Amino acid sequence: MPLNEIPEFFHPEIRQLIDFALEDAWQELRKDGIADTASVREKLATTIVALAAIGETDPSKLKNLALHAARAAYRPRRRSAARQGGAPVSKGGLSNLSVSFT
C-alpha cells in the first residue's frame, strides 16, 4: 500500500510503520506462494490499518497479526469426509448425536 493510500489521520511515523509492516508481510506471503491476488494484499492492508487505528504500533505485531488473518482467510478449504470417500453422514445428520456433560 503506497503511503498516499494510508489514511491521512495517522501520524507520518505511523504511516511509515504501516507501510513497512505491509511490505514485510507481503514479501513473506509471496515466499509462501499465497500472495497471488490483490485481495490478499487488501486483507493484509485492512488488518494492519485496523490494528494501527486501535493503537498497535509494533511493526512485528502488525505484520504477524496480518499474516495470521490472511493465511486463515486464504488457506485451501478442506473437503468433507464424505466427499473424500470417508464415512458418509447419516440422513439424520447431527440430530442423532448424543452428548452428555458430567
PDB file of N, CA and C in Angstrom:
ATOM      1  N   MET A   1       0.866  -1.169   0.000  1.00  0.00           N
ATOM      2  CA  MET A   1       0.000   0.000   0.000  1.00  0.00           C
ATOM      3  C   MET A   1       0.904   1.221   0.000  1.00  0.00           C
ATOM      4  N   PRO A   2       0.794   2.016  -1.030  1.00  0.00           N
ATOM      5  CA  PRO A   2       1.602   3.234  -1.049  1.00  0.00           C
ATOM      6  C   PRO A   2       1.202   4.156   0.098  1.00  0.00           C
ATOM      7  N   LEU A   3       2.144   4.941   0.557  1.00  0.00           N
ATOM      8  CA  LEU A   3       1.875   5.849   1.667  1.00  0.00           C
ATOM      9  C   LEU A   3       0.697   6.784   1.382  1.00  0.00           C
ATOM     10  N   ASN A   4       0.481   7.137   0.129  1.00  0.00           N
ATOM     11  CA  ASN A   4      -0.625   8.037  -0.177  1.00  0.00           C
ATOM     12  C   ASN A   4      -1.994   7.365  -0.048  1.00  0.00           C
ATOM     13  N   GLU A   5      -2.045   6.038   0.100  1.00  0.00           N
ATOM     14  CA  GLU A   5      -3.310   5.329   0.288  1.00  0.00           C
ATOM     15  C   GLU A   5      -3.600   5.033   1.756  1.00  0.00           C
ATOM     16  N   ILE A   6      -2.623   5.231   2.631  1.00  0.00           N
ATOM     17  CA  ILE A   6      -2.828   5.023   4.063  1.00  0.00           C
ATOM     18  C   ILE A   6      -3.598   6.233   4.586  1.00  0.00           C
ATOM     19  N   PRO A   7      -4.643   6.005   5.373  1.00  0.00           N
ATOM     20  CA  PRO A   7      -5.439   7.139   5.864  1.00  0.00           C
ATOM     21  C   PRO A   7      -4.577   8.260   6.433  1.00  0.00           C
ATOM     22  N   GLU A   8      -4.938   9.472   6.083  1.00  0.00           N
ATOM     23  CA  GLU A   8      -4.142  10.641   6.446  1.00  0.00           C
ATOM     24  C   GLU A   8      -4.206  11.002   7.920  1.00  0.00           C
ATOM     25  N   PHE A   9      -5.177  10.447   8.662  1.00  0.00           N
ATOM     26  CA  PHE A   9      -5.264  10.796  10.076  1.00  0.00           C
ATOM     27  C   PHE A   9      -4.128  10.188  10.890  1.00  0.00           C
ATOM     28  N   PHE A  10      -3.376   9.244  10.306  1.00  0.00           N
ATOM     29  CA  PHE A  10      -2.222   8.681  11.004  1.00  0.00           C
ATOM     30  C   PHE A  10      -1.046   9.648  10.945  1.00  0.00           C
ATOM     31  N   HIS A  11      -0.318   9.710  12.033  1.00  0.00           N
ATOM     32  CA  HIS A  11       0.922  10.485  12.096  1.00  0.00           C
ATOM     33  C   HIS A  11       1.880   9.918  11.041  1.00  0.00           C
ATOM     34  N   PRO A  12       2.728  10.735  10.430  1.00  0.00           N
ATOM     35  CA  PRO A  12       3.643  10.243   9.392  1.00  0.00           C
ATOM     36  C   PRO A  12       4.497   9.043   9.821  1.00  0.00           C
ATOM     37  N   GLU A  13       4.933   9.028  11.084  1.00  0.00           N
ATOM     38  CA  GLU A  13       5.742   7.890  11.543  1.00  0.00           C
ATOM     39  C   GLU A  13       4.915   6.601  11.564  1.00  0.00           C
ATOM     40  N   ILE A  14       3.657   6.705  11.961  1.00  0.00           N
ATOM     41  CA  ILE A  14       2.772   5.540  11.985  1.00  0.00           C
ATOM     42  C   ILE A  14       2.479   5.079  10.565  1.00  0.00           C
ATOM     43  N   ARG A  15       2.307   6.015   9.669  1.00  0.00           N
ATOM     44  CA  ARG A  15       2.082   5.660   8.263  1.00  0.00           C
ATOM     45  C   ARG A  15       3.268   4.888   7.702  1.00  0.00           C
ATOM     46  N   GLN A  16       4.475   5.266   8.097  1.00  0.00           N
ATOM     47  CA  GLN A  16       5.659   4.539   7.645  1.00  0.00           C
ATOM     48  C   GLN A  16       5.715   3.137   8.264  1.00  0.00           C
ATOM     49  N   LEU A  17       5.319   3.013   9.540  1.00  0.00           N
ATOM     50  CA  LEU A  17       5.266   1.695  10.180  1.00  0.00           C
ATOM     51  C   LEU A  17       4.270   0.786   9.469  1.00  0.00           C
ATOM     52  N   ILE A  18       3.116   1.343   9.114  1.00  0.00           N
ATOM     53  CA  ILE A  18       2.101   0.576   8.402  1.00  0.00           C
ATOM     54  C   ILE A  18       2.655   0.095   7.064  1.00  0.00           C
ATOM     55  N   ASP A  19       3.284   1.000   6.340  1.00  0.00           N
ATOM     56  CA  ASP A  19       3.850   0.652   5.043  1.00  0.00           C
ATOM     57  C   ASP A  19       4.924  -0.426   5.190  1.00  0.00           C
ATOM     58  N   PHE A  20       5.797  -0.282   6.183  1.00  0.00           N
ATOM     59  CA  PHE A  20       6.854  -1.266   6.420  1.00  0.00           C
ATOM     60  C   PHE A  20       6.261  -2.635   6.753  1.00  0.00           C
ATOM     61  N   ALA A  21       5.284  -2.668   7.665  1.00  0.00           N
ATOM     62  CA  ALA A  21       4.672  -3.937   8.075  1.00  0.00           C
ATOM     63  C   ALA A  21       3.965  -4.602   6.905  1.00  0.00           C
ATOM     64  N   LEU A  22       3.282  -3.811   6.094  1.00  0.00           N
ATOM     65  CA  LEU A  22       2.576  -4.358   4.941  1.00  0.00           C
ATOM     66  C   LEU A  22       3.546  -4.960   3.930  1.00  0.00           C
ATOM     67  N   GLU A  23       4.585  -4.223   3.609  1.00  0.00           N
ATOM     68  CA  GLU A  23       5.552  -4.730   2.629  1.00  0.00           C
ATOM     69  C   GLU A  23       6.253  -5.983   3.135  1.00  0.00           C
ATOM     70  N   ASP A  24       6.600  -5.995   4.417  1.00  0.00           N
ATOM     71  CA  ASP A  24       7.262  -7.157   5.009  1.00  0.00           C
ATOM     72  C   ASP A  24       6.337  -8.376   4.979  1.00  0.00           C
ATOM     73  N   ALA A  25       5.078  -8.187   5.349  1.00  0.00           N
ATOM     74  CA  ALA A  25       4.105  -9.287   5.339  1.00  0.00           C
ATOM     75  C   ALA A  25       3.868  -9.777   3.915  1.00  0.00           C
ATOM     76  N   TRP A  26       3.762  -8.863   2.971  1.00  0.00           N
ATOM     77  CA  TRP A  26       3.527  -9.209   1.580  1.00  0.00           C
ATOM     78  C   TRP A  26       4.672 -10.066   1.025  1.00  0.00           C
ATOM     79  N   GLN A  27       5.905  -9.681   1.340  1.00  0.00           N
ATOM     80  CA  GLN A  27       7.052 -10.464   0.878  1.00  0.00           C
ATOM     81  C   GLN A  27       7.032 -11.877   1.468  1.00  0.00           C
ATOM     82  N   GLU A  28       6.646 -11.989   2.732  1.00  0.00           N
ATOM     83  CA  GLU A  28       6.586 -13.314   3.358  1.00  0.00           C
ATOM     84  C   GLU A  28       5.514 -14.186   2.700  1.00  0.00           C
ATOM     85  N   LEU A  29       4.369 -13.608   2.411  1.00  0.00           N
ATOM     86  CA  LEU A  29       3.319 -14.381   1.737  1.00  0.00           C
ATOM     87  C   LEU A  29       3.733 -14.761   0.325  1.00  0.00           C
ATOM     88  N   ARG A  30       4.476 -13.915  -0.334  1.00  0.00           N
ATOM     89  CA  ARG A  30       4.970 -14.253  -1.681  1.00  0.00           C
ATOM     90  C   ARG A  30       5.892 -15.458  -1.616  1.00  0.00           C
ATOM     91  N   LYS A  31       6.724 -15.543  -0.580  1.00  0.00           N
ATOM     92  CA  LYS A  31       7.603 -16.709  -0.404  1.00  0.00           C
ATOM     93  C   LYS A  31       6.785 -17.977  -0.195  1.00  0.00           C
ATOM     94  N   ASP A  32       5.640 -17.838   0.508  1.00  0.00           N
ATOM     95  CA  ASP A  32       4.758 -18.978   0.771  1.00  0.00           C
ATOM     96  C   ASP A  32       3.918 -19.352  -0.442  1.00  0.00           C
ATOM     97  N   GLY A  33       3.914 -18.495  -1.455  1.00  0.00           N
ATOM     98  CA  GLY A  33       3.099 -18.749  -2.631  1.00  0.00           C
ATOM     99  C   GLY A  33       1.642 -18.384  -2.458  1.00  0.00           C
ATOM    100  N   ILE A  34       1.313 -17.626  -1.423  1.00  0.00           N
ATOM    101  CA  ILE A  34      -0.080 -17.262  -1.162  1.00  0.00           C
ATOM    102  C   ILE A  34      -0.433 -15.932  -1.818  1.00  0.00           C
ATOM    103  N   ALA A  35       0.520 -15.081  -1.976  1.00  0.00           N
ATOM    104  CA  ALA A  35       0.260 -13.710  -2.422  1.00  0.00           C
ATOM    105  C   ALA A  35       0.055 -13.643  -3.931  1.00  0.00           C
ATOM    106  N   ASP A  36      -1.036 -14.250  -4.396  1.00  0.00           N
ATOM    107  CA  ASP A  36      -1.306 -14.271  -5.828  1.00  0.00           C
ATOM    108  C   ASP A  36      -2.300 -13.214  -6.277  1.00  0.00           C
ATOM    109  N   THR A  37      -3.064 -12.688  -5.358  1.00  0.00           N
ATOM    110  CA  THR A  37      -4.133 -11.787  -5.765  1.00  0.00           C
ATOM    111  C   THR A  37      -4.099 -10.471  -5.000  1.00  0.00           C
ATOM    112  N   ALA A  38      -4.778  -9.519  -5.580  1.00  0.00           N
ATOM    113  CA  ALA A  38      -4.899  -8.214  -4.923  1.00  0.00           C
ATOM    114  C   ALA A  38      -5.724  -8.335  -3.652  1.00  0.00           C
ATOM    115  N   SER A  39      -6.640  -9.311  -3.598  1.00  0.00           N
ATOM    116  CA  SER A  39      -7.480  -9.454  -2.406  1.00  0.00           C
ATOM    117  C   SER A  39      -6.660  -9.855  -1.185  1.00  0.00           C
ATOM    118  N   VAL A  40      -5.588 -10.616  -1.397  1.00  0.00           N
ATOM    119  CA  VAL A  40      -4.719 -10.995  -0.277  1.00  0.00           C
ATOM    120  C   VAL A  40      -4.012  -9.754   0.253  1.00  0.00           C
ATOM    121  N   ARG A  41      -3.511  -8.955  -0.642  1.00  0.00           N
ATOM    122  CA  ARG A  41      -2.817  -7.725  -0.228  1.00  0.00           C
ATOM    123  C   ARG A  41      -3.800  -6.774   0.464  1.00  0.00           C
ATOM    124  N   GLU A  42      -5.021  -6.718  -0.032  1.00  0.00           N
ATOM    125  CA  GLU A  42      -6.043  -5.870   0.593  1.00  0.00           C
ATOM    126  C   GLU A  42      -6.352  -6.352   2.005  1.00  0.00           C
ATOM    127  N   LYS A  43      -6.399  -7.685   2.213  1.00  0.00           N
ATOM    128  CA  LYS A  43      -6.642  -8.240   3.541  1.00  0.00           C
ATOM    129  C   LYS A  43      -5.515  -7.834   4.487  1.00  0.00           C
ATOM    130  N   LEU A  44      -4.285  -7.930   4.016  1.00  0.00           N
ATOM    131  CA  LEU A  44      -3.145  -7.507   4.832  1.00  0.00           C
ATOM    132  C   LEU A  44      -3.278  -6.026   5.199  1.00  0.00           C
ATOM    133  N   ALA A  45      -3.563  -5.215   4.207  1.00  0.00           N
ATOM    134  CA  ALA A  45      -3.631  -3.764   4.425  1.00  0.00           C
ATOM    135  C   ALA A  45      -4.734  -3.397   5.403  1.00  0.00           C
ATOM    136  N   THR A  46      -5.923  -3.942   5.217  1.00  0.00           N
ATOM    137  CA  THR A  46      -7.022  -3.573   6.103  1.00  0.00           C
ATOM    138  C   THR A  46      -6.769  -4.045   7.530  1.00  0.00           C
ATOM    139  N   THR A  47      -6.141  -5.205   7.674  1.00  0.00           N
ATOM    140  CA  THR A  47      -5.828  -5.702   9.017  1.00  0.00           C
ATOM    141  C   THR A  47      -4.819  -4.794   9.705  1.00  0.00           C
ATOM    142  N   ILE A  48      -3.768  -4.451   9.002  1.00  0.00           N
ATOM    143  CA  ILE A  48      -2.720  -3.607   9.573  1.00  0.00           C
ATOM    144  C   ILE A  48      -3.258  -2.217   9.910  1.00  0.00           C
ATOM    145  N   VAL A  49      -4.036  -1.633   9.019  1.00  0.00           N
ATOM    146  CA  VAL A  49      -4.600  -0.297   9.272  1.00  0.00           C
ATOM    147  C   VAL A  49      -5.555  -0.347  10.460  1.00  0.00           C
ATOM    148  N   ALA A  50      -6.371  -1.395  10.548  1.00  0.00           N
ATOM    149  CA  ALA A  50      -7.302  -1.514  11.678  1.00  0.00           C
ATOM    150  C   ALA A  50      -6.553  -1.632  12.997  1.00  0.00           C
ATOM    151  N   LEU A  51      -5.502  -2.427  13.020  1.00  0.00           N
ATOM    152  CA  LEU A  51      -4.708  -2.583  14.238  1.00  0.00           C
ATOM    153  C   LEU A  51      -4.011  -1.272  14.621  1.00  0.00           C
ATOM    154  N   ALA A  52      -3.485  -0.588  13.626  1.00  0.00           N
ATOM    155  CA  ALA A  52      -2.834   0.700  13.903  1.00  0.00           C
ATOM    156  C   ALA A  52      -3.857   1.717  14.410  1.00  0.00           C
ATOM    157  N   ALA A  53      -5.072   1.636  13.909  1.00  0.00           N
ATOM    158  CA  ALA A  53      -6.115   2.575  14.323  1.00  0.00           C
ATOM    159  C   ALA A  53      -6.505   2.407  15.788  1.00  0.00           C
ATOM    160  N   ILE A  54      -6.313   1.199  16.330  1.00  0.00           N
ATOM    161  CA  ILE A  54      -6.622   0.997  17.750  1.00  0.00           C
ATOM    162  C   ILE A  54      -5.380   1.099  18.625  1.00  0.00           C
ATOM    163  N   GLY A  55      -4.270   1.549  18.025  1.00  0.00           N
ATOM    164  CA  GLY A  55      -3.098   1.876  18.819  1.00  0.00           C
ATOM    165  C   GLY A  55      -1.908   0.943  18.728  1.00  0.00           C
ATOM    166  N   GLU A  56      -2.000  -0.121  17.947  1.00  0.00           N
ATOM    167  CA  GLU A  56      -0.844  -1.024  17.831  1.00  0.00           C
ATOM    168  C   GLU A  56       0.196  -0.371  16.923  1.00  0.00           C
ATOM    169  N   THR A  57       1.422  -0.235  17.428  1.00  0.00           N
ATOM    170  CA  THR A  57       2.484   0.396  16.644  1.00  0.00           C
ATOM    171  C   THR A  57       3.731  -0.466  16.510  1.00  0.00           C
ATOM    172  N   ASP A  58       3.696  -1.670  17.027  1.00  0.00           N
ATOM    173  CA  ASP A  58       4.837  -2.574  16.900  1.00  0.00           C
ATOM    174  C   ASP A  58       4.778  -3.218  15.509  1.00  0.00           C
ATOM    175  N   PRO A  59       5.745  -2.894  14.624  1.00  0.00           N
ATOM    176  CA  PRO A  59       5.706  -3.418  13.261  1.00  0.00           C
ATOM    177  C   PRO A  59       5.691  -4.946  13.203  1.00  0.00           C
ATOM    178  N   SER A  60       6.374  -5.577  14.130  1.00  0.00           N
ATOM    179  CA  SER A  60       6.400  -7.040  14.152  1.00  0.00           C
ATOM    180  C   SER A  60       5.016  -7.610  14.464  1.00  0.00           C
ATOM    181  N   LYS A  61       4.337  -7.008  15.436  1.00  0.00           N
ATOM    182  CA  LYS A  61       2.980  -7.457  15.764  1.00  0.00           C
ATOM    183  C   LYS A  61       2.016  -7.174  14.625  1.00  0.00           C
ATOM    184  N   LEU A  62       2.134  -5.996  14.029  1.00  0.00           N
ATOM    185  CA  LEU A  62       1.273  -5.664  12.892  1.00  0.00           C
ATOM    186  C   LEU A  62       1.437  -6.696  11.782  1.00  0.00           C
ATOM    187  N   LYS A  63       2.672  -7.005  11.468  1.00  0.00           N
ATOM    188  CA  LYS A  63       2.963  -7.966  10.410  1.00  0.00           C
ATOM    189  C   LYS A  63       2.419  -9.348  10.763  1.00  0.00           C
ATOM    190  N   ASN A  64       2.755  -9.835  11.958  1.00  0.00           N
ATOM    191  CA  ASN A  64       2.367 -11.199  12.327  1.00  0.00           C
ATOM    192  C   ASN A  64       0.853 -11.374  12.429  1.00  0.00           C
ATOM    193  N   LEU A  65       0.156 -10.400  12.978  1.00  0.00           N
ATOM    194  CA  LEU A  65      -1.300 -10.499  13.072  1.00  0.00           C
ATOM    195  C   LEU A  65      -1.948 -10.434  11.687  1.00  0.00           C
ATOM    196  N   ALA A  66      -1.409  -9.604  10.812  1.00  0.00           N
ATOM    197  CA  ALA A  66      -1.940  -9.527   9.450  1.00  0.00           C
ATOM    198  C   ALA A  66      -1.671 -10.823   8.691  1.00  0.00           C
ATOM    199  N   LEU A  67      -0.486 -11.407   8.885  1.00  0.00           N
ATOM    200  CA  LEU A  67      -0.180 -12.687   8.243  1.00  0.00           C
ATOM    201  C   LEU A  67      -1.138 -13.768   8.719  1.00  0.00           C
ATOM    202  N   HIS A  68      -1.396 -13.786  10.008  1.00  0.00           N
ATOM    203  CA  HIS A  68      -2.324 -14.773  10.567  1.00  0.00           C
ATOM    204  C   HIS A  68      -3.710 -14.619   9.936  1.00  0.00           C
ATOM    205  N   ALA A  69      -4.191 -13.397   9.840  1.00  0.00           N
ATOM    206  CA  ALA A  69      -5.512 -13.152   9.263  1.00  0.00           C
ATOM    207  C   ALA A  69      -5.560 -13.548   7.789  1.00  0.00           C
ATOM    208  N   ALA A  70      -4.531 -13.196   7.041  1.00  0.00           N
ATOM    209  CA  ALA A  70      -4.514 -13.513   5.610  1.00  0.00           C
ATOM    210  C   ALA A  70      -4.399 -15.018   5.376  1.00  0.00           C
ATOM    211  N   ARG A  71      -3.557 -15.681   6.137  1.00  0.00           N
ATOM    212  CA  ARG A  71      -3.410 -17.136   5.969  1.00  0.00           C
ATOM    213  C   ARG A  71      -4.702 -17.861   6.331  1.00  0.00           C
ATOM    214  N   ALA A  72      -5.375 -17.378   7.353  1.00  0.00           N
ATOM    215  CA  ALA A  72      -6.641 -18.006   7.747  1.00  0.00           C
ATOM    216  C   ALA A  72      -7.708 -17.783   6.674  1.00  0.00           C
ATOM    217  N   ALA A  73      -7.717 -16.616   6.087  1.00  0.00           N
ATOM    218  CA  ALA A  73      -8.734 -16.296   5.086  1.00  0.00           C
ATOM    219  C   ALA A  73      -8.488 -16.972   3.742  1.00  0.00           C
ATOM    220  N   TYR A  74      -7.244 -17.248   3.421  1.00  0.00           N
ATOM    221  CA  TYR A  74      -6.925 -17.740   2.083  1.00  0.00           C
ATOM    222  C   TYR A  74      -6.316 -19.135   2.051  1.00  0.00           C
ATOM    223  N   ARG A  75      -6.365 -19.861   3.163  1.00  0.00           N
ATOM    224  CA  ARG A  75      -5.843 -21.224   3.113  1.00  0.00           C
ATOM    225  C   ARG A  75      -6.835 -22.098   2.347  1.00  0.00           C
ATOM    226  N   PRO A  76      -6.338 -23.149   1.696  1.00  0.00           N
ATOM    227  CA  PRO A  76      -7.241 -24.034   0.962  1.00  0.00           C
ATOM    228  C   PRO A  76      -8.243 -24.679   1.916  1.00  0.00           C
ATOM    229  N   ARG A  77      -9.481 -24.764   1.479  1.00  0.00           N
ATOM    230  CA  ARG A  77     -10.539 -25.379   2.277  1.00  0.00           C
ATOM    231  C   ARG A  77     -10.409 -26.896   2.212  1.00  0.00           C
ATOM    232  N   ARG A  78     -10.644 -27.534   3.348  1.00  0.00           N
ATOM    233  CA  ARG A  78     -10.627 -28.993   3.390  1.00  0.00           C
ATOM    234  C   ARG A  78     -11.948 -29.514   2.860  1.00  0.00           C
ATOM    235  N   ARG A  79     -11.850 -30.646   2.177  1.00  0.00           N
ATOM    236  CA  ARG A  79     -13.063 -31.295   1.713  1.00  0.00           C
ATOM    237  C   ARG A  79     -13.641 -32.113   2.848  1.00  0.00           C
ATOM    238  N   SER A  80     -14.950 -32.282   2.853  1.00  0.00           N
ATOM    239  CA  SER A  80     -15.598 -33.058   3.914  1.00  0.00           C
ATOM    240  C   SER A  80     -15.214 -34.523   3.799  1.00  0.00           C
ATOM    241  N   ALA A  81     -15.343 -35.285   4.890  1.00  0.00           N
ATOM    242  CA  ALA A  81     -15.009 -36.703   4.905  1.00  0.00           C
ATOM    243  C   ALA A  81     -15.847 -37.469   3.898  1.00  0.00           C
ATOM    244  N   ALA A  82     -17.122 -37.116   3.728  1.00  0.00           N
ATOM    245  CA  ALA A  82     -17.991 -37.807   2.787  1.00  0.00           C
ATOM    246  C   ALA A  82     -17.491 -37.623   1.358  1.00  0.00           C
ATOM    247  N   ARG A  83     -17.002 -36.450   1.035  1.00  0.00           N
ATOM    248  CA  ARG A  83     -16.511 -36.195  -0.319  1.00  0.00           C
ATOM    249  C   ARG A  83     -15.154 -36.831  -0.560  1.00  0.00           C
ATOM    250  N   GLN A  84     -14.407 -37.088   0.483  1.00  0.00           N
ATOM    251  CA  GLN A  84     -13.091 -37.705   0.343  1.00  0.00           C
ATOM    252  C   GLN A  84     -13.184 -39.222   0.344  1.00  0.00           C
ATOM    253  N   GLY A  85     -14.381 -39.745   0.387  1.00  0.00           N
ATOM    254  CA  GLY A  85     -14.522 -41.182   0.395  1.00  0.00           C
ATOM    255  C   GLY A  85     -14.582 -41.752   1.794  1.00  0.00           C
ATOM    256  N   GLY A  86     -14.689 -40.904   2.796  1.00  0.00           N
ATOM    257  CA  GLY A  86     -14.793 -41.348   4.178  1.00  0.00           C
ATOM    258  C   GLY A  86     -16.213 -41.779   4.488  1.00  0.00           C
ATOM    259  N   ALA A  87     -16.505 -41.955   5.734  1.00  0.00           N
ATOM    260  CA  ALA A  87     -17.835 -42.386   6.148  1.00  0.00           C
ATOM    261  C   ALA A  87     -18.866 -41.322   5.792  1.00  0.00           C
ATOM    262  N   PRO A  88     -19.966 -41.733   5.148  1.00  0.00           N
ATOM    263  CA  PRO A  88     -20.991 -40.754   4.807  1.00  0.00           C
ATOM    264  C   PRO A  88     -21.731 -40.286   6.053  1.00  0.00           C
ATOM    265  N   VAL A  89     -22.270 -39.089   5.955  1.00  0.00           N
ATOM    266  CA  VAL A  89     -23.051 -38.541   7.046  1.00  0.00           C
ATOM    267  C   VAL A  89     -24.439 -39.152   6.965  1.00  0.00           C
ATOM    268  N   SER A  90     -24.988 -39.590   8.097  1.00  0.00           N
ATOM    269  CA  SER A  90     -26.300 -40.226   8.098  1.00  0.00           C
ATOM    270  C   SER A  90     -27.389 -39.244   7.739  1.00  0.00           C
ATOM    271  N   LYS A  91     -28.552 -39.787   7.337  1.00  0.00           N
ATOM    272  CA  LYS A  91     -29.675 -38.939   6.971  1.00  0.00           C
ATOM    273  C   LYS A  91     -30.087 -38.010   8.103  1.00  0.00           C
ATOM    274  N   GLY A  92     -29.959 -38.471   9.337  1.00  0.00           N
ATOM    275  CA  GLY A  92     -30.364 -37.664  10.471  1.00  0.00           C
ATOM    276  C   GLY A  92     -29.385 -36.557  10.788  1.00  0.00           C
ATOM    277  N   GLY A  93     -28.244 -36.573  10.152  1.00  0.00           N
ATOM    278  CA  GLY A  93     -27.232 -35.544  10.389  1.00  0.00           C
ATOM    279  C   GLY A  93     -26.784 -35.549  11.836  1.00  0.00           C
ATOM    280  N   LEU A  94     -26.595 -34.381  12.396  1.00  0.00           N
ATOM    281  CA  LEU A  94     -26.108 -34.260  13.760  1.00  0.00           C
ATOM    282  C   LEU A  94     -27.198 -34.496  14.804  1.00  0.00           C
ATOM    283  N   SER A  95     -28.452 -34.555  14.376  1.00  0.00           N
ATOM    284  CA  SER A  95     -29.525 -34.724  15.338  1.00  0.00           C
ATOM    285  C   SER A  95     -29.488 -36.097  16.003  1.00  0.00           C
ATOM    286  N   ASN A  96     -28.769 -37.046  15.417  1.00  0.00           N
ATOM    287  CA  ASN A  96     -28.679 -38.387  16.010  1.00  0.00           C
ATOM    288  C   ASN A  96     -27.567 -38.499  17.052  1.00  0.00           C
ATOM    289  N   LEU A  97     -26.805 -37.450  17.245  1.00  0.00           N
ATOM    290  CA  LEU A  97     -25.704 -37.481  18.205  1.00  0.00           C
ATOM    291  C   LEU A  97     -26.233 -37.237  19.611  1.00  0.00           C
ATOM    292  N   SER A  98     -25.639 -37.921  20.555  1.00  0.00           N
ATOM    293  CA  SER A  98     -25.989 -37.621  21.947  1.00  0.00           C
ATOM    294  C   SER A  98     -24.728 -37.218  22.683  1.00  0.00           C
ATOM    295  N   VAL A  99     -24.856 -36.195  23.484  1.00  0.00           N
ATOM    296  CA  VAL A  99     -23.718 -35.664  24.217  1.00  0.00           C
ATOM    297  C   VAL A  99     -24.125 -35.524  25.674  1.00  0.00           C
ATOM    298  N   SER A 100     -23.240 -35.960  26.554  1.00  0.00           N
ATOM    299  CA  SER A 100     -23.538 -35.750  27.960  1.00  0.00           C
ATOM    300  C   SER A 100     -22.371 -35.044  28.613  1.00  0.00           C
ATOM    301  N   PHE A 101     -22.697 -34.137  29.483  1.00  0.00           N
ATOM    302  CA  PHE A 101     -21.683 -33.380  30.213  1.00  0.00           C
ATOM    303  C   PHE A 101     -21.761 -33.785  31.693  1.00  0.00           C
ATOM    304  N   THR A 102     -20.653 -34.196  32.231  1.00  0.00           N
ATOM    305  CA  THR A 102     -20.631 -34.564  33.651  1.00  0.00           C
ATOM    306  C   THR A 102     -19.616 -33.758  34.395  1.00  0.00           C
TER     307      THR A 102
END
